[in-house]
PDB file of N, CA and C in Angstrom:
ATOM      1  N   MET A   1      31.867   2.913   3.583  1.00  0.00           N
ATOM      2  CA  MET A   1      32.007   3.515   2.522  1.00  0.00           C
ATOM      3  C   MET A   1      30.493   2.501   1.751  1.00  0.00           C
ATOM      4  N   THR A   2      31.046   1.518   1.176  1.00  0.00           N
ATOM      5  CA  THR A   2      29.533   0.355   0.554  1.00  0.00           C
ATOM      6  C   THR A   2      28.712  -0.275   1.433  1.00  0.00           C
ATOM      7  N   THR A   3      29.391  -0.049   2.198  1.00  0.00           N
ATOM      8  CA  THR A   3      27.638  -0.387   3.904  1.00  0.00           C
ATOM      9  C   THR A   3      27.113   1.118   3.971  1.00  0.00           C
ATOM     10  N   GLU A   4      27.334   2.345   3.477  1.00  0.00           N
ATOM     11  CA  GLU A   4      26.319   3.640   3.302  1.00  0.00           C
ATOM     12  C   GLU A   4      25.601   3.291   2.442  1.00  0.00           C
ATOM     13  N   ILE A   5      26.413   3.419   1.289  1.00  0.00           N
ATOM     14  CA  ILE A   5      25.891   2.709   0.088  1.00  0.00           C
ATOM     15  C   ILE A   5      24.774   1.741   0.172  1.00  0.00           C
ATOM     16  N   LYS A   6      24.570   0.146   0.956  1.00  0.00           N
ATOM     17  CA  LYS A   6      24.234  -0.884   1.200  1.00  0.00           C
ATOM     18  C   LYS A   6      22.817  -0.599   1.930  1.00  0.00           C
ATOM     19  N   GLY A   7      22.790   0.505   3.313  1.00  0.00           N
ATOM     20  CA  GLY A   7      22.323   1.223   3.802  1.00  0.00           C
ATOM     21  C   GLY A   7      20.639   1.821   3.475  1.00  0.00           C
ATOM     22  N   LEU A   8      21.789   2.424   2.187  1.00  0.00           N
ATOM     23  CA  LEU A   8      20.765   3.631   1.623  1.00  0.00           C
ATOM     24  C   LEU A   8      19.731   2.816   1.161  1.00  0.00           C
ATOM     25  N   THR A   9      20.572   1.999  -0.354  1.00  0.00           N
ATOM     26  CA  THR A   9      20.002   1.271  -1.338  1.00  0.00           C
ATOM     27  C   THR A   9      18.463   0.484   0.074  1.00  0.00           C
ATOM     28  N   ALA A  10      18.476   0.192   0.315  1.00  0.00           N
ATOM     29  CA  ALA A  10      17.529  -0.767   1.773  1.00  0.00           C
ATOM     30  C   ALA A  10      16.875   0.171   1.736  1.00  0.00           C
ATOM     31  N   GLY A  11      17.417   1.101   2.523  1.00  0.00           N
ATOM     32  CA  GLY A  11      16.698   2.400   2.812  1.00  0.00           C
ATOM     33  C   GLY A  11      14.863   2.872   1.776  1.00  0.00           C
ATOM     34  N   VAL A  12      15.873   3.246   0.515  1.00  0.00           N
ATOM     35  CA  VAL A  12      15.188   2.911  -0.340  1.00  0.00           C
ATOM     36  C   VAL A  12      14.181   2.354  -0.745  1.00  0.00           C
ATOM     37  N   ALA A  13      14.585   1.128  -0.737  1.00  0.00           N
ATOM     38  CA  ALA A  13      13.936  -0.333  -1.285  1.00  0.00           C
ATOM     39  C   ALA A  13      12.700  -0.273  -0.357  1.00  0.00           C
ATOM     40  N   TYR A  14      13.091  -0.201   0.854  1.00  0.00           N
ATOM     41  CA  TYR A  14      11.571  -0.572   2.412  1.00  0.00           C
ATOM     42  C   TYR A  14      11.057   1.258   1.872  1.00  0.00           C
ATOM     43  N   GLN A  15      11.641   2.709   1.995  1.00  0.00           N
ATOM     44  CA  GLN A  15      10.652   3.240   1.911  1.00  0.00           C
ATOM     45  C   GLN A  15       9.372   3.048   0.462  1.00  0.00           C
ATOM     46  N   GLU A  16       9.754   2.380  -0.894  1.00  0.00           N
ATOM     47  CA  GLU A  16       9.054   2.243  -1.709  1.00  0.00           C
ATOM     48  C   GLU A  16       8.266   1.082  -1.427  1.00  0.00           C
ATOM     49  N   PHE A  17       8.709  -0.033  -0.983  1.00  0.00           N
ATOM     50  CA  PHE A  17       7.652  -1.265  -0.289  1.00  0.00           C
ATOM     51  C   PHE A  17       6.503  -0.799   0.686  1.00  0.00           C
ATOM     52  N   THR A  18       7.143   0.259   1.801  1.00  0.00           N
ATOM     53  CA  THR A  18       5.833   0.847   1.865  1.00  0.00           C
ATOM     54  C   THR A  18       5.177   1.578   1.947  1.00  0.00           C
ATOM     55  N   ASN A  19       5.235   2.832   1.067  1.00  0.00           N
ATOM     56  CA  ASN A  19       4.461   3.949  -0.066  1.00  0.00           C
ATOM     57  C   ASN A  19       3.809   2.534  -0.638  1.00  0.00           C
ATOM     58  N   ARG A  20       4.016   1.968  -1.730  1.00  0.00           N
ATOM     59  CA  ARG A  20       3.136   0.713  -2.293  1.00  0.00           C
ATOM     60  C   ARG A  20       2.628  -0.286  -1.270  1.00  0.00           C
ATOM     61  N   GLY A  21       2.786  -0.779  -0.427  1.00  0.00           N
ATOM     62  CA  GLY A  21       1.668  -1.277   0.630  1.00  0.00           C
ATOM     63  C   GLY A  21       0.677  -0.022   0.888  1.00  0.00           C
ATOM     64  N   ILE A  22       1.006   0.817   1.643  1.00  0.00           N
ATOM     65  CA  ILE A  22      -0.339   2.398   2.256  1.00  0.00           C
ATOM     66  C   ILE A  22      -1.004   2.470   0.637  1.00  0.00           C
ATOM     67  N   LEU A  23      -0.161   2.059  -0.583  1.00  0.00           N
ATOM     68  CA  LEU A  23      -1.460   2.352  -1.490  1.00  0.00           C
ATOM     69  C   LEU A  23      -2.262   1.478  -2.014  1.00  0.00           C
ATOM     70  N   ILE A  24      -1.455   0.245  -1.705  1.00  0.00           N
ATOM     71  CA  ILE A  24      -2.139  -0.910  -2.113  1.00  0.00           C
ATOM     72  C   ILE A  24      -3.579  -0.581  -1.150  1.00  0.00           C
ATOM     73  N   ALA A  25      -3.239  -0.552  -0.058  1.00  0.00           N
ATOM     74  CA  ALA A  25      -4.471  -0.341   1.002  1.00  0.00           C
ATOM     75  C   ALA A  25      -5.530   0.611   1.329  1.00  0.00           C
ATOM     76  N   LEU A  26      -4.395   1.888   0.282  1.00  0.00           N
ATOM     77  CA  LEU A  26      -5.886   2.807   0.122  1.00  0.00           C
ATOM     78  C   LEU A  26      -7.370   1.936  -0.847  1.00  0.00           C
ATOM     79  N   VAL A  27      -5.627   1.824  -1.907  1.00  0.00           N
ATOM     80  CA  VAL A  27      -7.479   1.245  -3.170  1.00  0.00           C
ATOM     81  C   VAL A  27      -7.992   0.078  -2.276  1.00  0.00           C
ATOM     82  N   VAL A  28      -7.835  -0.952  -1.609  1.00  0.00           N
ATOM     83  CA  VAL A  28      -8.759  -1.775  -1.237  1.00  0.00           C
ATOM     84  C   VAL A  28      -9.538  -0.750  -0.269  1.00  0.00           C
ATOM     85  N   ALA A  29      -9.623  -0.544   0.251  1.00  0.00           N
ATOM     86  CA  ALA A  29     -10.141   0.971   1.609  1.00  0.00           C
ATOM     87  C   ALA A  29     -11.194   1.575   0.359  1.00  0.00           C
ATOM     88  N   ILE A  30     -10.488   2.199  -0.695  1.00  0.00           N
ATOM     89  CA  ILE A  30     -11.527   3.093  -0.981  1.00  0.00           C
ATOM     90  C   ILE A  30     -12.510   2.133  -2.121  1.00  0.00           C
ATOM     91  N   LEU A  31     -11.968   0.729  -2.801  1.00  0.00           N
ATOM     92  CA  LEU A  31     -13.349   0.345  -3.605  1.00  0.00           C
ATOM     93  C   LEU A  31     -14.205  -0.819  -2.582  1.00  0.00           C
ATOM     94  N   GLY A  32     -13.190  -0.968  -0.988  1.00  0.00           N
ATOM     95  CA  GLY A  32     -14.631  -1.812  -0.258  1.00  0.00           C
ATOM     96  C   GLY A  32     -15.438  -0.765   0.027  1.00  0.00           C
ATOM     97  N   GLY A  33     -15.206   0.556   0.415  1.00  0.00           N
ATOM     98  CA  GLY A  33     -16.000   2.332   0.584  1.00  0.00           C
ATOM     99  C   GLY A  33     -17.146   2.072  -1.078  1.00  0.00           C
ATOM    100  N   ALA A  34     -16.382   2.150  -1.600  1.00  0.00           N
ATOM    101  CA  ALA A  34     -17.407   2.104  -3.225  1.00  0.00           C
ATOM    102  C   ALA A  34     -18.119   0.970  -3.381  1.00  0.00           C
ATOM    103  N   ALA A  35     -18.104  -0.379  -3.199  1.00  0.00           N
ATOM    104  CA  ALA A  35     -18.782  -1.612  -3.180  1.00  0.00           C
ATOM    105  C   ALA A  35     -19.885  -1.696  -1.877  1.00  0.00           C
ATOM    106  N   LYS A  36     -19.775  -0.784  -0.538  1.00  0.00           N
ATOM    107  CA  LYS A  36     -20.827  -0.749  -0.021  1.00  0.00           C
ATOM    108  C   LYS A  36     -21.862   0.243   0.291  1.00  0.00           C
ATOM    109  N   LEU A  37     -21.313   1.465  -0.902  1.00  0.00           N
ATOM    110  CA  LEU A  37     -21.951   2.757  -0.651  1.00  0.00           C
ATOM    111  C   LEU A  37     -22.492   1.856  -1.883  1.00  0.00           C
ATOM    112  N   PHE A  38     -22.392   1.070  -3.766  1.00  0.00           N
ATOM    113  CA  PHE A  38     -23.478   1.213  -4.285  1.00  0.00           C
ATOM    114  C   PHE A  38     -23.997  -0.491  -3.684  1.00  0.00           C
ATOM    115  N   VAL A  39     -23.435  -1.207  -2.830  1.00  0.00           N
ATOM    116  CA  VAL A  39     -23.966  -2.788  -2.727  1.00  0.00           C
ATOM    117  C   VAL A  39     -24.082  -3.403  -3.402  1.00  0.00           C
ATOM    118  N   PHE A  40     -22.741  -3.561  -3.966  1.00  0.00           N
ATOM    119  CA  PHE A  40     -22.268  -4.419  -4.869  1.00  0.00           C
ATOM    120  C   PHE A  40     -22.722  -5.712  -4.466  1.00  0.00           C
ATOM    121  N   PHE A  41     -21.989  -6.140  -2.660  1.00  0.00           N
ATOM    122  CA  PHE A  41     -22.237  -7.227  -2.110  1.00  0.00           C
ATOM    123  C   PHE A  41     -23.921  -7.465  -1.230  1.00  0.00           C
ATOM    124  N   PRO A  42     -24.797  -8.104  -1.596  1.00  0.00           N
ATOM    125  CA  PRO A  42     -26.130  -8.220  -0.514  1.00  0.00           C
ATOM    126  C   PRO A  42     -25.750  -8.685   0.911  1.00  0.00           C
ATOM    127  N   ASN A  43     -26.609  -7.789   1.296  1.00  0.00           N
ATOM    128  CA  ASN A  43     -26.604  -7.718   2.848  1.00  0.00           C
ATOM    129  C   ASN A  43     -26.421  -9.466   3.406  1.00  0.00           C
ATOM    130  N   PRO A  44     -26.095 -10.187   4.178  1.00  0.00           N
ATOM    131  CA  PRO A  44     -26.260 -11.209   4.938  1.00  0.00           C
ATOM    132  C   PRO A  44     -27.838 -11.641   5.689  1.00  0.00           C
TER     133      PRO A  44
END
C-alpha cells in the first residue's frame, strides 16, 4: 500500500515536471519566433 502511494506521488511529480518542461519549451519557441518576426536580433 505504501509503495503504491509512493509510486503514485512519483508519477504525479514526474508528470508535473514534464508538463513544466513542455510549457517552458513552448514559451521559448514562441519568444524565439517572435524575436525572429520582429527582428530583435541583428542578422550576422
